[in-house]
Amino acid sequence: MVPQGEILGGAGEPPALHLPDPGSFFSDRAARFGALAAAGHADAPFLALMERLARAQQQALAAHPPVAGSDPARLELCHRHGLPPLAKDAARDGAWRAALTGIIHGVSDAAPPSAQPVLRELTAASAQRLDAMADRLLAFNYPELNPVAVPFLGAALQVHWFKRAAAYGISSFKKLDIPGICPVCGSPPVASVLRIDVPVPGSRYLACTLCGTDWHLARGQCSQCDVRDKVAYFHIEGGNEAIKAEACENCRGYLKIMNREQDPLADPVADDLATLALDILMDESGYERASPNLLFVPGRN
């Protein structure tokens, strides 16, 4: 039997795609943020705020209105041309803005004083202005965004795309020819995960930064330039060795990789934000991060 949220690969291969469980996806992430904060992390206040944010995402997902399922004609067109059916640059409805309002309500009392004016500004902003901000974030146009607003905008967009992907169902999606692009929404991955809940434990999956979908990619294959066997691994000495940077010697890009064989609770978003020191190390070593985390504004040095 194939789990409802998976599409099988070929014989003897791990599932090609995996959609997470809507009932626990964000709450599991919140628990991971909370555990990382409670472990005495140097950025514990930030991680604790992210815990509240993820819990608010789970609540916003539960409150999100129903969305339409897949359109067979559109699916056929997308599959024929190798396009993601829920492309991040396609039209979206206003439900994401309602999710944003709910998320802000869920975290406002825990947000630091410096963030309060931004939260009030987001709450009062017109639909047109919020949509313009969302367009910039989905295009990763960070210079035109207030960095304090980014986690809240990103969180709401994640909820909305997660809901849409769940409504379509796993059978609506197929792997694309471009390995580093999400087959559901066309976004890049936030990190790699070595999964243990698949027929071939330790199989590598890319985790979408927007909709949460995981898609299989062979270990040792660069998600950016597609070159194989040019990947080196880096980690912070004395840190969690389950979290490493996988860096391509060909294109000099990197993603983090979360090894659940070593740490079963590792989360691609939470553990990414808990290992920002690793990003600094990679920057100093001459590598460039391949793709962003929608809950954080990337920077250099």
Protein backbone atom coordinates (compact mmCIF):
# COMPACT_ATOMS: atom_id res chain seq x y z
CA MET A 1 0.00 0.00 0.00
CA VAL A 2 1.27 3.49 -0.89
CA PRO A 3 0.71 6.16 1.81
CA GLN A 4 -1.91 8.69 0.72
CA GLY A 5 0.62 11.49 0.51
CA GLU A 6 3.17 9.71 -1.68
CA ILE A 7 3.77 8.85 -5.34
CA LEU A 8 5.88 5.77 -5.94
CA GLY A 9 9.09 5.91 -7.93
CA GLY A 10 10.24 3.01 -10.06
CA ALA A 11 10.67 -0.53 -8.78
CA GLY A 12 12.99 -0.52 -5.78
CA GLU A 13 13.08 3.28 -5.69
CA PRO A 14 11.78 5.55 -2.92
CA PRO A 15 8.54 7.51 -3.50
CA ALA A 16 9.07 10.35 -5.95
CA LEU A 17 6.93 12.87 -4.04
CA HIS A 18 5.60 13.29 -0.53
CA LEU A 19 2.91 15.68 0.71
CA PRO A 20 3.01 16.27 4.48
CA ASP A 21 0.15 15.60 6.89
CA PRO A 22 -2.09 18.71 7.14
CA GLY A 23 -3.10 17.75 10.66
CA SER A 24 0.36 18.09 12.17
CA PHE A 25 2.79 19.68 9.70
CA PHE A 26 3.13 23.09 11.31
CA SER A 27 2.55 21.89 14.87
CA ASP A 28 5.40 19.39 14.46
CA ARG A 29 7.59 22.24 13.26
CA ALA A 30 6.51 24.34 16.23
CA ALA A 31 7.51 21.53 18.59
CA ARG A 32 10.94 21.39 16.95
CA PHE A 33 11.41 25.14 17.29
CA GLY A 34 10.41 24.86 20.95
CA ALA A 35 12.83 22.02 21.62
CA LEU A 36 15.69 23.91 19.99
CA ALA A 37 14.90 27.03 22.02
CA ALA A 38 14.67 25.06 25.26
CA ALA A 39 18.05 23.41 24.66
CA GLY A 40 19.88 26.61 25.53
CA HIS A 41 20.40 27.83 21.97
CA ALA A 42 22.08 31.23 21.65
CA ASP A 43 19.12 32.44 19.58
CA ALA A 44 16.51 30.97 21.93
CA PRO A 45 14.24 34.08 21.97
CA PHE A 46 14.09 34.10 18.17
CA LEU A 47 13.42 30.36 18.00
CA ALA A 48 10.71 30.69 20.65
CA LEU A 49 9.02 33.35 18.52
CA MET A 50 9.24 31.03 15.53
CA GLU A 51 7.57 28.35 17.64
CA ARG A 52 4.63 30.69 18.19
CA LEU A 53 4.62 31.53 14.49
CA ALA A 54 4.46 27.86 13.47
CA ARG A 55 1.64 27.20 15.95
CA ALA A 56 -0.23 30.15 14.50
CA GLN A 57 0.33 28.64 11.04
CA GLN A 58 -1.31 25.39 12.14
CA GLN A 59 -4.30 27.35 13.45
CA ALA A 60 -4.48 29.40 10.26
CA LEU A 61 -4.40 26.22 8.19
CA ALA A 62 -7.33 24.80 10.16
CA ALA A 63 -9.26 28.05 9.65
CA HIS A 64 -8.41 28.37 5.96
CA PRO A 65 -11.54 28.15 3.79
CA PRO A 66 -11.86 25.19 1.40
CA VAL A 67 -10.11 25.60 -1.94
CA ALA A 68 -10.95 24.10 -5.30
CA GLY A 69 -9.39 20.83 -6.32
CA SER A 70 -7.44 20.22 -9.49
CA ASP A 71 -8.73 21.17 -12.93
CA PRO A 72 -8.12 18.16 -15.23
CA ALA A 73 -7.57 20.33 -18.32
CA ARG A 74 -5.03 22.52 -16.53
CA LEU A 75 -3.27 19.50 -15.07
CA GLU A 76 -2.97 17.90 -18.48
CA LEU A 77 -1.52 21.12 -19.89
CA CYS A 78 0.98 21.44 -17.04
CA HIS A 79 2.07 17.82 -17.29
CA ARG A 80 2.50 18.05 -21.05
CA HIS A 81 4.77 21.09 -20.76
CA GLY A 82 6.57 20.10 -17.56
CA LEU A 83 5.09 22.91 -15.46
CA PRO A 84 4.15 22.95 -11.77
CA PRO A 85 0.33 23.03 -11.45
CA LEU A 86 0.36 25.50 -8.54
CA ALA A 87 3.07 27.86 -9.78
CA LYS A 88 4.07 30.44 -7.19
CA ASP A 89 3.73 33.28 -9.70
CA ALA A 90 0.16 32.34 -10.67
CA ALA A 91 -2.93 34.19 -9.46
CA ARG A 92 -3.94 33.60 -5.83
CA ASP A 93 -7.07 34.51 -3.93
CA GLY A 94 -7.41 36.58 -0.78
CA ALA A 95 -7.43 33.63 1.61
CA TRP A 96 -3.71 34.07 2.15
CA ARG A 97 -4.37 37.54 3.55
CA ALA A 98 -6.86 36.09 6.03
CA ALA A 99 -4.17 33.62 7.05
CA LEU A 100 -1.79 36.53 7.57
CA THR A 101 -4.30 38.26 9.85
CA GLY A 102 -4.72 35.09 11.90
CA ILE A 103 -0.98 34.53 12.17
CA ILE A 104 -0.36 38.10 13.32
CA HIS A 105 -3.11 37.72 15.92
CA GLY A 106 -1.49 34.50 17.12
CA VAL A 107 1.98 35.95 17.67
CA SER A 108 1.51 39.66 18.35
CA ASP A 109 1.70 39.35 22.14
CA ALA A 110 5.00 37.45 21.85
CA ALA A 111 6.63 39.64 19.20
CA PRO A 112 9.33 42.05 20.41
CA PRO A 113 8.53 45.76 20.71
CA SER A 114 10.57 46.50 17.58
CA ALA A 115 8.20 44.33 15.53
CA GLN A 116 4.94 45.83 16.80
CA PRO A 117 4.83 48.79 14.36
CA VAL A 118 5.37 46.41 11.44
CA LEU A 119 2.59 44.11 12.63
CA ARG A 120 0.24 47.07 12.91
CA GLU A 121 1.26 48.20 9.43
CA LEU A 122 0.58 44.76 7.97
CA THR A 123 -2.79 44.59 9.70
CA ALA A 124 -3.83 47.97 8.30
CA ALA A 125 -2.39 47.48 4.80
CA SER A 126 -4.71 47.31 1.81
CA ALA A 127 -5.19 44.09 -0.12
CA GLN A 128 -3.35 45.62 -3.06
CA ARG A 129 -0.34 46.51 -0.94
CA LEU A 130 -0.20 43.11 0.73
CA ASP A 131 -0.39 41.37 -2.63
CA ALA A 132 2.47 43.53 -3.89
CA MET A 133 4.55 42.48 -0.86
CA ALA A 134 3.70 38.85 -1.51
CA ASP A 135 4.77 39.18 -5.14
CA ARG A 136 8.14 40.56 -4.04
CA LEU A 137 8.67 37.81 -1.50
CA LEU A 138 7.74 35.02 -3.90
CA ALA A 139 10.23 36.52 -6.37
CA PHE A 140 12.81 36.69 -3.54
CA ASN A 141 13.09 40.43 -4.08
CA TYR A 142 14.22 41.12 -0.53
CA PRO A 143 15.65 44.65 -0.97
CA GLU A 144 12.11 45.96 -1.49
CA LEU A 145 10.73 44.30 1.66
CA ASN A 146 10.90 45.21 5.33
CA PRO A 147 12.89 42.32 6.84
CA VAL A 148 10.69 42.32 9.95
CA ALA A 149 7.61 41.68 7.80
CA VAL A 150 9.12 38.77 5.88
CA PRO A 151 8.51 35.94 8.40
CA PHE A 152 4.83 36.84 8.71
CA LEU A 153 4.27 37.21 4.98
CA GLY A 154 6.17 33.99 4.31
CA ALA A 155 4.25 32.10 6.98
CA ALA A 156 0.89 33.11 5.51
CA LEU A 157 1.93 32.18 1.97
CA GLN A 158 3.17 28.80 3.19
CA VAL A 159 -0.22 28.10 4.76
CA HIS A 160 -2.06 29.09 1.59
CA TRP A 161 0.06 26.97 -0.76
CA PHE A 162 0.02 24.04 1.64
CA LYS A 163 -3.78 24.16 1.65
CA ARG A 164 -3.93 24.32 -2.15
CA ALA A 165 -1.52 21.40 -2.57
CA ALA A 166 -3.54 19.30 -0.13
CA ALA A 167 -6.75 20.09 -2.03
CA TYR A 168 -5.21 18.96 -5.32
CA GLY A 169 -3.91 15.73 -3.83
CA ILE A 170 -0.68 13.91 -4.51
CA SER A 171 -1.91 12.24 -7.71
CA SER A 172 -2.11 15.67 -9.38
CA PHE A 173 1.65 16.13 -9.38
CA LYS A 174 4.60 14.65 -11.24
CA LYS A 175 8.33 15.17 -10.93
CA LEU A 176 9.74 17.82 -13.25
CA ASP A 177 12.78 17.56 -15.48
CA ILE A 178 14.49 20.33 -13.49
CA PRO A 179 15.68 18.69 -10.26
CA GLY A 180 15.84 21.81 -8.10
CA ILE A 181 12.26 22.99 -8.69
CA CYS A 182 9.26 21.88 -6.63
CA PRO A 183 6.90 19.79 -8.78
CA VAL A 184 3.91 21.36 -7.03
CA CYS A 185 4.60 25.11 -6.97
CA GLY A 186 7.90 25.65 -8.78
CA SER A 187 9.69 27.04 -5.72
CA PRO A 188 13.23 26.08 -4.74
CA PRO A 189 14.00 23.84 -1.76
CA VAL A 190 14.84 25.25 1.65
CA ALA A 191 16.99 22.21 2.48
CA SER A 192 17.53 18.50 1.86
CA VAL A 193 16.25 15.83 4.22
CA LEU A 194 17.40 12.22 4.54
CA ARG A 195 14.07 10.57 5.31
CA ILE A 196 13.67 7.42 7.40
CA ASP A 197 9.93 6.84 6.80
CA VAL A 198 10.33 5.60 3.21
CA PRO A 199 10.96 2.12 1.73
CA VAL A 200 14.64 3.02 1.29
CA PRO A 201 15.63 4.73 4.58
CA GLY A 202 18.19 7.46 4.12
CA SER A 203 16.81 8.53 0.75
CA ARG A 204 17.36 12.21 0.04
CA TYR A 205 14.45 14.58 -0.51
CA LEU A 206 14.34 18.28 -1.26
CA ALA A 207 11.91 20.20 0.96
CA CYS A 208 9.97 23.01 -0.71
CA THR A 209 10.35 26.39 0.94
CA LEU A 210 6.74 27.35 0.07
CA CYS A 211 4.27 24.45 -0.07
CA GLY A 212 6.09 21.89 2.08
CA THR A 213 6.26 19.16 -0.57
CA ASP A 214 9.26 16.81 -0.53
CA TRP A 215 10.60 15.40 -3.79
CA HIS A 216 13.26 12.77 -4.27
CA LEU A 217 16.73 13.58 -5.57
CA ALA A 218 19.66 11.18 -5.56
CA ARG A 219 22.32 11.73 -2.94
CA GLY A 220 25.40 13.41 -4.34
CA GLN A 221 23.47 15.24 -7.06
CA CYS A 222 23.50 19.05 -6.97
CA SER A 223 20.00 20.51 -6.90
CA GLN A 224 21.20 23.64 -8.70
CA CYS A 225 23.51 22.58 -11.54
CA ASP A 226 22.56 18.87 -11.66
CA VAL A 227 26.21 17.77 -11.55
CA ARG A 228 26.82 14.52 -9.69
CA ASP A 229 29.53 13.50 -7.25
CA LYS A 230 30.92 17.00 -6.76
CA VAL A 231 29.27 17.53 -3.37
CA ALA A 232 31.26 18.15 -0.17
CA TYR A 233 29.82 18.31 3.35
CA PHE A 234 30.52 20.86 6.08
CA HIS A 235 29.34 21.23 9.66
CA ILE A 236 30.06 23.32 12.73
CA GLU A 237 32.54 21.57 15.02
CA GLY A 238 30.81 20.69 18.25
CA GLY A 239 27.37 21.28 16.73
CA ASN A 240 24.64 18.89 15.68
CA GLU A 241 26.31 16.63 13.12
CA ALA A 242 22.90 15.68 11.75
CA ILE A 243 22.77 19.15 10.18
CA LYS A 244 25.37 19.79 7.49
CA ALA A 245 25.85 21.98 4.45
CA GLU A 246 26.02 20.06 1.18
CA ALA A 247 28.14 22.21 -1.13
CA CYS A 248 28.71 21.74 -4.83
CA GLU A 249 32.30 22.18 -5.98
CA ASN A 250 31.05 22.83 -9.52
CA CYS A 251 28.62 25.74 -9.03
CA ARG A 252 29.77 26.76 -5.50
CA GLY A 253 26.20 26.71 -4.23
CA TYR A 254 25.02 24.93 -1.09
CA LEU A 255 21.95 23.73 0.76
CA LYS A 256 21.72 22.32 4.24
CA ILE A 257 20.95 18.65 4.66
CA MET A 258 19.07 17.23 7.66
CA ASN A 259 19.93 13.61 8.47
CA ARG A 260 16.97 12.03 10.24
CA GLU A 261 18.90 8.81 10.66
CA GLN A 262 20.96 10.76 13.20
CA ASP A 263 18.23 13.12 14.44
CA PRO A 264 14.71 11.85 13.64
CA LEU A 265 13.05 15.15 14.60
CA ALA A 266 15.18 17.40 12.39
CA ASP A 267 13.03 19.87 10.45
CA PRO A 268 14.19 21.62 7.25
CA VAL A 269 12.88 25.03 8.29
CA ALA A 270 13.45 24.98 12.06
CA ASP A 271 16.91 23.44 11.96
CA ASP A 272 17.90 25.74 9.13
CA LEU A 273 17.09 28.78 11.26
CA ALA A 274 18.86 27.22 14.24
CA THR A 275 22.13 26.84 12.28
CA LEU A 276 22.69 30.30 10.86
CA ALA A 277 26.31 30.07 12.04
CA LEU A 278 26.75 27.40 9.38
CA ASP A 279 25.61 29.90 6.74
CA ILE A 280 28.29 32.30 7.94
CA LEU A 281 30.90 29.54 7.68
CA MET A 282 29.83 28.72 4.14
CA ASP A 283 29.87 32.37 3.10
CA GLU A 284 33.38 32.75 4.48
CA SER A 285 34.41 29.60 2.58
CA GLY A 286 33.28 31.07 -0.74
CA TYR A 287 29.96 29.28 -1.19
CA GLU A 288 26.61 30.89 -1.93
CA ARG A 289 23.34 29.71 -0.48
CA ALA A 290 21.28 28.20 -3.29
CA SER A 291 17.81 29.18 -2.09
CA PRO A 292 16.12 30.99 0.80
CA ASN A 293 14.05 30.24 3.85
CA LEU A 294 10.78 32.18 3.53
CA LEU A 295 10.81 32.96 7.26
CA PHE A 296 14.12 34.81 7.20
CA VAL A 297 15.83 37.51 5.17
CA PRO A 298 19.15 36.20 3.84
CA GLY A 299 22.22 38.31 4.19
CA ARG A 300 25.94 38.18 3.77
CA ASN A 301 28.48 38.31 6.56
